[in-house]
C-alpha atoms as a PDB file:
ATOM      1  CA  MET A   1     106.276  88.794  98.699  1.00  0.00           C
ATOM      2  CA  PRO A   2     107.375  91.893 100.584  1.00  0.00           C
ATOM      3  CA  LEU A   3     105.752  92.693 103.919  1.00  0.00           C
ATOM      4  CA  ASP A   4     104.445  96.159 104.634  1.00  0.00           C
ATOM      5  CA  GLU A   5     105.673  98.070 107.680  1.00  0.00           C
ATOM      6  CA  ARG A   6     102.798  97.027 109.974  1.00  0.00           C
ATOM      7  CA  GLN A   7     103.200  93.365 109.017  1.00  0.00           C
ATOM      8  CA  ARG A   8     106.967  93.541 109.691  1.00  0.00           C
ATOM      9  CA  LYS A   9     106.377  95.170 113.083  1.00  0.00           C
ATOM     10  CA  LEU A  10     103.764  92.560 114.008  1.00  0.00           C
ATOM     11  CA  VAL A  11     106.008  89.660 113.006  1.00  0.00           C
ATOM     12  CA  ALA A  12     108.891  91.176 114.996  1.00  0.00           C
ATOM     13  CA  LEU A  13     106.704  91.556 118.098  1.00  0.00           C
ATOM     14  CA  LEU A  14     105.433  87.985 117.847  1.00  0.00           C
ATOM     15  CA  LEU A  15     108.980  86.688 117.355  1.00  0.00           C
ATOM     16  CA  ALA A  16     109.969  88.597 120.491  1.00  0.00           C
ATOM     17  CA  GLY A  17     107.351  86.633 122.443  1.00  0.00           C
ATOM     18  CA  HIS A  18     104.410  89.015 122.529  1.00  0.00           C
ATOM     19  CA  THR A  19     100.891  87.641 122.554  1.00  0.00           C
ATOM     20  CA  ASP A  20      98.399  88.808 119.966  1.00  0.00           C
ATOM     21  CA  ALA A  21      96.846  91.117 122.575  1.00  0.00           C
ATOM     22  CA  SER A  22     100.131  92.687 123.689  1.00  0.00           C
ATOM     23  CA  ALA A  23     101.296  93.074 120.067  1.00  0.00           C
ATOM     24  CA  ALA A  24      97.967  94.744 119.274  1.00  0.00           C
ATOM     25  CA  GLY A  25      98.508  97.175 122.151  1.00  0.00           C
ATOM     26  CA  ARG A  26     102.018  98.023 120.947  1.00  0.00           C
ATOM     27  CA  LEU A  27     100.774  98.600 117.396  1.00  0.00           C
ATOM     28  CA  GLY A  28      97.708 100.572 118.483  1.00  0.00           C
ATOM     29  CA  VAL A  29      95.274  98.176 116.827  1.00  0.00           C
ATOM     30  CA  SER A  30      92.702  95.696 118.097  1.00  0.00           C
ATOM     31  CA  PRO A  31      93.514  92.013 118.707  1.00  0.00           C
ATOM     32  CA  ARG A  32      91.051  91.264 115.892  1.00  0.00           C
ATOM     33  CA  THR A  33      93.173  93.359 113.516  1.00  0.00           C
ATOM     34  CA  VAL A  34      96.201  91.270 114.498  1.00  0.00           C
ATOM     35  CA  THR A  35      94.225  88.134 113.677  1.00  0.00           C
ATOM     36  CA  ASN A  36      93.207  89.624 110.324  1.00  0.00           C
ATOM     37  CA  ILE A  37      96.806  90.573 109.467  1.00  0.00           C
ATOM     38  CA  LEU A  38      97.993  87.058 110.290  1.00  0.00           C
ATOM     39  CA  ARG A  39      95.157  85.461 108.298  1.00  0.00           C
ATOM     40  CA  SER A  40      96.021  87.678 105.323  1.00  0.00           C
ATOM     41  CA  LEU A  41      99.666  86.599 105.522  1.00  0.00           C
ATOM     42  CA  MET A  42      98.635  82.936 105.774  1.00  0.00           C
ATOM     43  CA  ASP A  43      96.406  83.290 102.715  1.00  0.00           C
ATOM     44  CA  ARG A  44      99.153  85.036 100.701  1.00  0.00           C
ATOM     45  CA  LEU A  45     101.686  82.348 101.592  1.00  0.00           C
ATOM     46  CA  GLY A  46      99.249  79.458 101.142  1.00  0.00           C
ATOM     47  CA  VAL A  47      99.606  78.088 104.670  1.00  0.00           C
ATOM     48  CA  ASP A  48      96.930  76.815 107.046  1.00  0.00           C
ATOM     49  CA  ASN A  49      98.164  77.676 110.531  1.00  0.00           C
ATOM     50  CA  ARG A  50     100.517  79.860 112.545  1.00  0.00           C
ATOM     51  CA  PHE A  51     103.211  77.202 112.754  1.00  0.00           C
ATOM     52  CA  GLN A  52     103.345  76.948 108.962  1.00  0.00           C
ATOM     53  CA  LEU A  53     103.312  80.752 108.760  1.00  0.00           C
ATOM     54  CA  GLY A  54     106.340  80.898 111.051  1.00  0.00           C
ATOM     55  CA  VAL A  55     108.187  78.343 108.944  1.00  0.00           C
ATOM     56  CA  ALA A  56     107.335  80.163 105.707  1.00  0.00           C
ATOM     57  CA  LEU A  57     108.351  83.573 107.068  1.00  0.00           C
ATOM     58  CA  GLY A  58     111.521  82.126 108.602  1.00  0.00           C
ATOM     59  CA  SER A  59     112.500  80.616 105.263  1.00  0.00           C
ATOM     60  CA  ARG A  60     111.886  83.919 103.491  1.00  0.00           C
ATOM     61  CA  MET A  61     113.840  85.880 106.098  1.00  0.00           C
ATOM     62  CA  ARG A  62     116.749  83.446 105.888  1.00  0.00           C
ATOM     63  CA  ALA A  63     116.757  83.620 102.084  1.00  0.00           C
ATOM     64  CA  ALA A  64     116.772  87.422 102.205  1.00  0.00           C
ATOM     65  CA  THR A  65     119.637  87.377 104.722  1.00  0.00           C
ATOM     66  CA  ASP A  66     121.590  84.917 102.570  1.00  0.00           C
ATOM     67  CA  ARG A  67     121.092  87.118  99.485  1.00  0.00           C
ATOM     68  CA  THR A  68     122.259  90.194 101.382  1.00  0.00           C
ATOM     69  CA  ALA A  69     125.372  88.391 102.615  1.00  0.00           C
ATOM     70  CA  THR A  70     126.116  87.141  99.088  1.00  0.00           C
ATOM     71  CA  ASP A  71     125.661  90.634  97.641  1.00  0.00           C
ATOM     72  CA  ARG A  72     128.085  92.078 100.179  1.00  0.00           C
ATOM     73  CA  ALA A  73     130.684  89.386  99.449  1.00  0.00           C
ATOM     74  CA  ALA A  74     130.598  89.981  95.698  1.00  0.00           C
ATOM     75  CA  PRO A  75     133.588  91.960  94.361  1.00  0.00           C
END
């Protein structure tokens, strides 16, 4: 499940410690839009809360990083 650019930017801001409100300000959207983006991601990944969303996204990011490292190591 690839993330679109706005979703990637939002996730990066939240990982950097921004609140929903400050991330919304950086993205030029309302805090409600941030909530809607997160809810959409939770629904797509089949998780019930933000903690589970973080775990699911972290697992996906790690898997993508591992694949990239493996691809680079291949002869």
